[in-house]
Amino acid sequence: MAKPAISLAATWQSASAVTLPPLLRAWLLEPGSLTARLKQRADDFQLQVLQQQQLDLPAFLQPQLPGISIAQCREVLMSCNALPCVYAQSWLPLPTLAALQPLAELGEQPLGEIIFQQPNVKRSAVEVARVQLQQPLAATVAAGEYWARRSVFTLAGQPLLVAEVFLDGVLAL
């Protein structure tokens, strides 16, 4: 079975417990839609679906999505003005996809556009980590260590986990 392009296995901590880099602090702590913020800052926003597949939920994510063993892993690269800015990895449990059909039919539409239109959406506290990119993600995204954030959203009583890795292109916005 294939694996995600970036492993999110890292030391995750509450964002309030970490000294965040000043240039990324507002991005990491953005309370609203990251997609909307990127679109506001860029003349040209593009979302590329890297892969979308059902995978076994990795053991390190099971505490965030208790009782879930299989989920759809969706990986996207969001670029602004032709610069890769954010790699996002979402884990959508199968019951969540069944209950919220628009999530199962996203195509090239950003997940954030659906999440933040839902009534009574709940979001867990944001956790942050430094994640390792083992190999280049794209021609302009080098291997190395990047800041990331993750949280669990609950929509209509159904959970999904979203993690976003902030690439160097975001610093140009």
Protein backbone atom coordinates (compact mmCIF):
# COMPACT_ATOMS: atom_id res chain seq x y z
CA MET A 1 0.00 0.00 0.00
CA ALA A 2 1.33 3.45 -0.85
CA LYS A 3 2.30 5.92 1.82
CA PRO A 4 1.75 9.69 2.04
CA ALA A 5 4.45 11.89 0.51
CA ILE A 6 5.29 13.37 3.92
CA SER A 7 5.17 11.40 7.16
CA LEU A 8 3.48 13.34 9.93
CA ALA A 9 5.18 11.20 12.57
CA ALA A 10 6.75 13.93 14.67
CA THR A 11 6.72 15.39 18.16
CA TRP A 12 3.45 17.33 18.18
CA GLN A 13 2.88 19.91 20.91
CA SER A 14 0.21 22.43 21.77
CA ALA A 15 0.89 25.62 19.79
CA SER A 16 0.70 27.59 23.04
CA ALA A 17 3.60 25.58 24.49
CA VAL A 18 6.04 26.33 21.66
CA THR A 19 7.98 29.42 20.66
CA LEU A 20 6.93 29.82 17.05
CA PRO A 21 9.06 31.53 14.41
CA PRO A 22 7.81 35.13 14.00
CA LEU A 23 7.48 34.86 10.20
CA LEU A 24 5.24 31.79 10.45
CA ARG A 25 3.39 32.49 13.71
CA ALA A 26 0.29 34.06 12.12
CA TRP A 27 0.10 31.25 9.55
CA LEU A 28 0.45 28.49 12.14
CA LEU A 29 -2.17 30.09 14.39
CA GLU A 30 -4.64 31.11 11.65
CA PRO A 31 -8.07 30.41 13.21
CA GLY A 32 -10.05 30.57 9.97
CA SER A 33 -9.65 29.00 6.57
CA LEU A 34 -6.02 28.74 5.50
CA THR A 35 -7.24 28.46 1.90
CA ALA A 36 -9.09 31.78 2.18
CA ARG A 37 -6.01 33.45 3.66
CA LEU A 38 -3.79 32.14 0.87
CA LYS A 39 -6.27 33.31 -1.76
CA GLN A 40 -6.40 36.79 -0.19
CA ARG A 41 -2.61 37.09 -0.34
CA ALA A 42 -2.04 35.71 -3.85
CA ASP A 43 -2.88 36.87 -7.35
CA ASP A 44 -2.83 33.25 -8.52
CA PHE A 45 -3.88 30.36 -6.24
CA GLN A 46 -3.61 26.76 -7.40
CA LEU A 47 -4.46 23.50 -5.68
CA GLN A 48 -2.94 20.28 -6.98
CA VAL A 49 -4.18 16.93 -5.67
CA LEU A 50 -1.03 14.82 -5.24
CA GLN A 51 -2.86 11.66 -4.26
CA GLN A 52 -6.05 10.47 -2.65
CA GLN A 53 -6.43 6.91 -1.40
CA GLN A 54 -7.79 4.78 1.40
CA LEU A 55 -5.06 3.83 3.84
CA ASP A 56 -4.73 2.23 7.25
CA LEU A 57 -4.68 5.03 9.80
CA PRO A 58 -1.08 5.28 11.10
CA ALA A 59 -0.71 4.33 14.76
CA PHE A 60 0.53 7.81 15.70
CA LEU A 61 -2.77 9.35 14.43
CA GLN A 62 -5.06 6.90 16.21
CA PRO A 63 -5.25 8.97 19.43
CA GLN A 64 -6.59 11.91 17.36
CA LEU A 65 -9.19 9.74 15.57
CA PRO A 66 -10.09 7.05 18.13
CA GLY A 67 -11.89 3.99 16.83
CA ILE A 68 -10.86 4.65 13.22
CA SER A 69 -8.70 2.09 11.43
CA ILE A 70 -9.06 3.12 7.76
CA ALA A 71 -9.40 6.61 6.33
CA GLN A 72 -9.09 8.39 3.04
CA CYS A 73 -5.77 10.20 2.95
CA ARG A 74 -5.87 13.23 0.68
CA GLU A 75 -2.68 15.10 -0.11
CA VAL A 76 -2.63 18.44 -1.86
CA LEU A 77 -0.09 21.10 -2.71
CA MET A 78 -1.33 24.68 -2.56
CA SER A 79 0.67 27.20 -4.57
CA CYS A 80 0.43 30.96 -4.71
CA ASN A 81 1.89 32.95 -7.59
CA ALA A 82 3.53 29.72 -8.87
CA LEU A 83 5.35 29.10 -5.54
CA PRO A 84 4.47 26.01 -3.48
CA CYS A 85 3.27 27.36 -0.12
CA VAL A 86 1.45 24.61 1.76
CA TYR A 87 1.39 20.84 1.61
CA ALA A 88 -1.81 19.61 3.26
CA GLN A 89 -2.64 16.09 4.33
CA SER A 90 -6.14 15.26 5.47
CA TRP A 91 -7.41 12.02 6.98
CA LEU A 92 -11.11 11.52 6.38
CA PRO A 93 -12.60 8.47 8.12
CA LEU A 94 -15.02 6.46 5.97
CA PRO A 95 -18.04 7.22 8.24
CA THR A 96 -17.23 10.94 7.84
CA LEU A 97 -17.20 10.61 4.05
CA ALA A 98 -20.50 8.70 4.15
CA ALA A 99 -22.17 11.32 6.35
CA LEU A 100 -20.78 14.36 4.51
CA GLN A 101 -21.01 13.57 0.80
CA PRO A 102 -19.37 16.85 -0.37
CA LEU A 103 -16.13 15.71 1.29
CA ALA A 104 -16.13 12.55 -0.82
CA GLU A 105 -16.44 14.57 -4.05
CA LEU A 106 -13.87 17.34 -3.56
CA GLY A 107 -11.84 16.87 -6.74
CA GLU A 108 -9.67 19.99 -7.08
CA GLN A 109 -11.77 21.98 -4.57
CA PRO A 110 -9.97 22.92 -1.35
CA LEU A 111 -11.20 21.04 1.73
CA GLY A 112 -11.23 24.30 3.70
CA GLU A 113 -13.94 25.71 1.44
CA ILE A 114 -16.26 22.91 2.57
CA ILE A 115 -15.24 22.80 6.24
CA PHE A 116 -15.74 26.49 6.93
CA GLN A 117 -19.17 26.55 5.25
CA GLN A 118 -20.53 23.89 7.63
CA PRO A 119 -22.74 24.93 10.54
CA ASN A 120 -21.47 24.19 14.03
CA VAL A 121 -17.99 23.17 12.93
CA LYS A 122 -15.74 22.42 15.90
CA ARG A 123 -11.96 22.42 15.87
CA SER A 124 -9.55 20.94 18.36
CA ALA A 125 -6.63 22.93 19.71
CA VAL A 126 -3.90 23.44 17.13
CA GLU A 127 -0.77 21.36 17.59
CA VAL A 128 2.53 22.18 15.89
CA ALA A 129 5.66 20.23 15.01
CA ARG A 130 8.71 20.25 12.80
CA VAL A 131 8.31 17.55 10.13
CA GLN A 132 10.98 16.04 7.93
CA LEU A 133 10.59 16.06 4.18
CA GLN A 134 12.81 13.15 3.16
CA GLN A 135 12.85 13.86 -0.58
CA PRO A 136 11.95 16.88 -2.69
CA LEU A 137 8.18 17.29 -2.95
CA ALA A 138 8.35 19.34 -6.14
CA ALA A 139 11.09 20.93 -8.21
CA THR A 140 11.01 23.99 -5.94
CA VAL A 141 10.45 22.22 -2.59
CA ALA A 142 13.70 20.89 -1.15
CA ALA A 143 14.06 18.09 1.36
CA GLY A 144 14.46 19.38 4.90
CA GLU A 145 12.58 20.32 8.02
CA TYR A 146 9.39 22.40 7.92
CA TRP A 147 6.90 23.75 10.43
CA ALA A 148 3.50 22.08 10.42
CA ARG A 149 0.21 22.31 12.26
CA ARG A 150 -2.64 19.88 12.75
CA SER A 151 -6.10 19.81 14.25
CA VAL A 152 -9.20 17.66 14.26
CA PHE A 153 -12.38 19.17 12.87
CA THR A 154 -15.79 17.83 13.81
CA LEU A 155 -18.57 18.40 11.28
CA ALA A 156 -22.06 17.03 11.90
CA GLY A 157 -20.57 14.94 14.70
CA GLN A 158 -17.98 13.39 12.35
CA PRO A 159 -14.20 13.86 12.81
CA LEU A 160 -11.46 14.51 10.27
CA LEU A 161 -7.83 15.41 10.78
CA VAL A 162 -6.09 18.12 8.78
CA ALA A 163 -2.35 18.77 8.84
CA GLU A 164 -0.63 21.53 6.92
CA VAL A 165 3.09 21.85 6.27
CA PHE A 166 4.28 25.38 5.59
CA LEU A 167 6.75 25.51 2.72
CA ASP A 168 9.16 28.35 1.93
CA GLY A 169 6.80 29.92 -0.63
CA VAL A 170 4.47 31.08 2.15
CA LEU A 171 7.18 33.49 3.33
CA ALA A 172 6.82 35.41 0.06
CA LEU A 173 3.17 36.27 0.76
